[in-house]
C-alpha atoms as a PDB file:
ATOM      1  CA  MET A   1      68.232 101.638 150.431  1.00  0.00           C
ATOM      2  CA  SER A   2      67.365 104.272 147.842  1.00  0.00           C
ATOM      3  CA  ASP A   3      67.022 103.789 144.122  1.00  0.00           C
ATOM      4  CA  SER A   4      70.283 105.229 142.731  1.00  0.00           C
ATOM      5  CA  SER A   5      68.791 105.611 139.253  1.00  0.00           C
ATOM      6  CA  ASN A   6      66.749 108.552 140.565  1.00  0.00           C
ATOM      7  CA  ASP A   7      69.979 110.281 141.623  1.00  0.00           C
ATOM      8  CA  ASP A   8      71.341 110.045 138.082  1.00  0.00           C
ATOM      9  CA  LEU A   9      68.344 111.639 136.343  1.00  0.00           C
ATOM     10  CA  GLU A  10      69.113 114.600 134.099  1.00  0.00           C
ATOM     11  CA  ARG A  11      67.627 117.733 135.633  1.00  0.00           C
ATOM     12  CA  ARG A  12      67.896 119.877 132.508  1.00  0.00           C
ATOM     13  CA  SER A  13      64.796 120.375 130.423  1.00  0.00           C
ATOM     14  CA  SER A  14      66.649 120.228 127.092  1.00  0.00           C
ATOM     15  CA  PHE A  15      68.664 117.554 125.345  1.00  0.00           C
ATOM     16  CA  ARG A  16      72.389 117.557 126.152  1.00  0.00           C
ATOM     17  CA  LEU A  17      75.213 115.840 124.264  1.00  0.00           C
ATOM     18  CA  ASP A  18      78.477 114.963 126.024  1.00  0.00           C
ATOM     19  CA  MET A  19      81.144 116.071 123.552  1.00  0.00           C
ATOM     20  CA  GLU A  20      83.837 113.982 125.263  1.00  0.00           C
ATOM     21  CA  LYS A  21      86.362 116.814 124.889  1.00  0.00           C
ATOM     22  CA  GLU A  22      85.899 117.211 121.136  1.00  0.00           C
ATOM     23  CA  LEU A  23      87.868 120.042 119.565  1.00  0.00           C
ATOM     24  CA  VAL A  24      85.900 122.837 117.898  1.00  0.00           C
ATOM     25  CA  ASP A  25      86.997 126.093 116.327  1.00  0.00           C
ATOM     26  CA  ILE A  26      85.639 129.343 117.676  1.00  0.00           C
ATOM     27  CA  ILE A  27      85.794 132.601 115.753  1.00  0.00           C
ATOM     28  CA  TRP A  28      85.274 136.029 117.319  1.00  0.00           C
ATOM     29  CA  THR A  29      86.319 139.644 116.951  1.00  0.00           C
ATOM     30  CA  ASP A  30      88.525 140.931 119.775  1.00  0.00           C
ATOM     31  CA  GLU A  31      88.478 144.382 121.393  1.00  0.00           C
ATOM     32  CA  SER A  32      90.831 145.794 118.734  1.00  0.00           C
ATOM     33  CA  GLY A  33      88.571 144.647 115.864  1.00  0.00           C
ATOM     34  CA  GLN A  34      90.828 141.716 114.878  1.00  0.00           C
ATOM     35  CA  GLU A  35      89.089 138.469 113.891  1.00  0.00           C
ATOM     36  CA  ARG A  36      90.499 135.633 115.976  1.00  0.00           C
ATOM     37  CA  THR A  37      90.207 131.872 115.597  1.00  0.00           C
ATOM     38  CA  LYS A  38      91.071 129.308 118.238  1.00  0.00           C
ATOM     39  CA  LYS A  39      90.733 125.550 118.481  1.00  0.00           C
ATOM     40  CA  ILE A  40      89.332 124.671 121.909  1.00  0.00           C
ATOM     41  CA  VAL A  41      87.701 121.822 123.798  1.00  0.00           C
ATOM     42  CA  CYS A  42      83.912 121.512 123.842  1.00  0.00           C
ATOM     43  CA  LEU A  43      82.745 119.825 127.042  1.00  0.00           C
ATOM     44  CA  ASP A  44      78.959 119.858 126.625  1.00  0.00           C
ATOM     45  CA  PHE A  45      76.508 120.692 123.876  1.00  0.00           C
ATOM     46  CA  ALA A  46      72.780 121.306 124.401  1.00  0.00           C
ATOM     47  CA  ARG A  47      69.978 122.972 122.450  1.00  0.00           C
ATOM     48  CA  GLY A  48      70.512 126.154 124.423  1.00  0.00           C
ATOM     49  CA  GLY A  49      74.289 126.360 124.207  1.00  0.00           C
ATOM     50  CA  LEU A  50      77.726 124.940 124.784  1.00  0.00           C
ATOM     51  CA  LYS A  51      80.254 124.673 127.569  1.00  0.00           C
ATOM     52  CA  LEU A  52      83.857 125.147 126.457  1.00  0.00           C
ATOM     53  CA  ASP A  53      87.249 124.771 128.143  1.00  0.00           C
ATOM     54  CA  CYS A  54      89.765 127.405 127.062  1.00  0.00           C
ATOM     55  CA  ASP A  55      93.154 128.792 128.089  1.00  0.00           C
ATOM     56  CA  ILE A  56      92.086 132.403 127.445  1.00  0.00           C
ATOM     57  CA  THR A  57      89.200 134.519 128.667  1.00  0.00           C
ATOM     58  CA  LEU A  58      86.439 135.842 126.429  1.00  0.00           C
ATOM     59  CA  PRO A  59      84.367 138.828 127.589  1.00  0.00           C
ATOM     60  CA  GLU A  60      80.670 138.273 128.274  1.00  0.00           C
ATOM     61  CA  GLN A  61      78.372 139.110 125.328  1.00  0.00           C
ATOM     62  CA  THR A  62      81.168 138.477 122.786  1.00  0.00           C
ATOM     63  CA  ALA A  63      79.601 137.169 119.564  1.00  0.00           C
ATOM     64  CA  VAL A  64      81.164 133.867 118.505  1.00  0.00           C
ATOM     65  CA  THR A  65      80.905 131.404 115.645  1.00  0.00           C
ATOM     66  CA  ILE A  66      81.422 127.760 116.586  1.00  0.00           C
ATOM     67  CA  LEU A  67      82.698 125.527 113.822  1.00  0.00           C
ATOM     68  CA  PHE A  68      82.396 121.752 114.230  1.00  0.00           C
ATOM     69  CA  LYS A  69      84.658 119.537 112.102  1.00  0.00           C
ATOM     70  CA  SER A  70      86.404 122.519 110.506  1.00  0.00           C
ATOM     71  CA  ALA A  71      88.630 120.314 108.340  1.00  0.00           C
ATOM     72  CA  ASN A  72      85.612 118.542 106.862  1.00  0.00           C
ATOM     73  CA  SER A  73      83.813 119.966 103.825  1.00  0.00           C
ATOM     74  CA  ASN A  74      80.412 119.365 105.455  1.00  0.00           C
ATOM     75  CA  ASN A  75      81.277 121.196 108.664  1.00  0.00           C
ATOM     76  CA  GLU A  76      78.611 122.749 110.845  1.00  0.00           C
ATOM     77  CA  LYS A  77      78.491 126.368 112.046  1.00  0.00           C
ATOM     78  CA  LEU A  78      76.574 127.666 115.030  1.00  0.00           C
ATOM     79  CA  PHE A  79      76.338 131.254 116.251  1.00  0.00           C
ATOM     80  CA  GLY A  80      76.104 132.504 119.797  1.00  0.00           C
ATOM     81  CA  LYS A  81      77.322 134.817 122.529  1.00  0.00           C
ATOM     82  CA  VAL A  82      79.449 134.337 125.618  1.00  0.00           C
ATOM     83  CA  LEU A  83      77.093 134.027 128.571  1.00  0.00           C
ATOM     84  CA  ARG A  84      79.799 133.657 131.212  1.00  0.00           C
ATOM     85  CA  CYS A  85      83.520 132.993 131.510  1.00  0.00           C
ATOM     86  CA  ILE A  86      84.729 131.583 134.822  1.00  0.00           C
ATOM     87  CA  LYS A  87      88.370 131.061 135.737  1.00  0.00           C
ATOM     88  CA  GLN A  88      88.950 127.559 137.101  1.00  0.00           C
ATOM     89  CA  ASP A  89      91.443 126.489 139.786  1.00  0.00           C
ATOM     90  CA  ASN A  90      93.743 125.140 137.061  1.00  0.00           C
ATOM     91  CA  GLY A  91      93.995 128.612 135.436  1.00  0.00           C
ATOM     92  CA  TRP A  92      91.818 127.726 132.420  1.00  0.00           C
ATOM     93  CA  PHE A  93      88.407 129.223 131.723  1.00  0.00           C
ATOM     94  CA  GLU A  94      85.024 127.522 131.532  1.00  0.00           C
ATOM     95  CA  ILE A  95      83.081 129.435 128.901  1.00  0.00           C
ATOM     96  CA  ALA A  96      79.314 129.137 128.556  1.00  0.00           C
ATOM     97  CA  ILE A  97      77.943 130.059 125.107  1.00  0.00           C
ATOM     98  CA  THR A  98      74.252 130.682 124.530  1.00  0.00           C
ATOM     99  CA  LEU A  99      73.161 129.906 120.967  1.00  0.00           C
ATOM    100  CA  ASP A 100      71.358 132.408 118.748  1.00  0.00           C
ATOM    101  CA  LYS A 101      67.918 131.003 118.020  1.00  0.00           C
ATOM    102  CA  ASP A 102      67.472 133.171 114.918  1.00  0.00           C
ATOM    103  CA  LYS A 103      70.420 131.765 112.964  1.00  0.00           C
END
């Protein structure tokens, strides 16, 4: 019998936080220059970036602002870019955001 705890070890080198489908606001500028805001589900959060679940696609390299707890006066903003956007079987998109280290 094998030790199942070894199978459950995290293989990532950075800290990851399960967001348990927390809603976050994302802000970006679309192709026509219009600033857009959308409330979407954050699936995972790590030092390097976030994984989001969204009903629309965002082009790779799109600059985004992620706003946690937007209704709260001490909300938190992070800045990043879309690393990849993959359409899932259910028609929604899994969006990977890489965080800007300079901001």
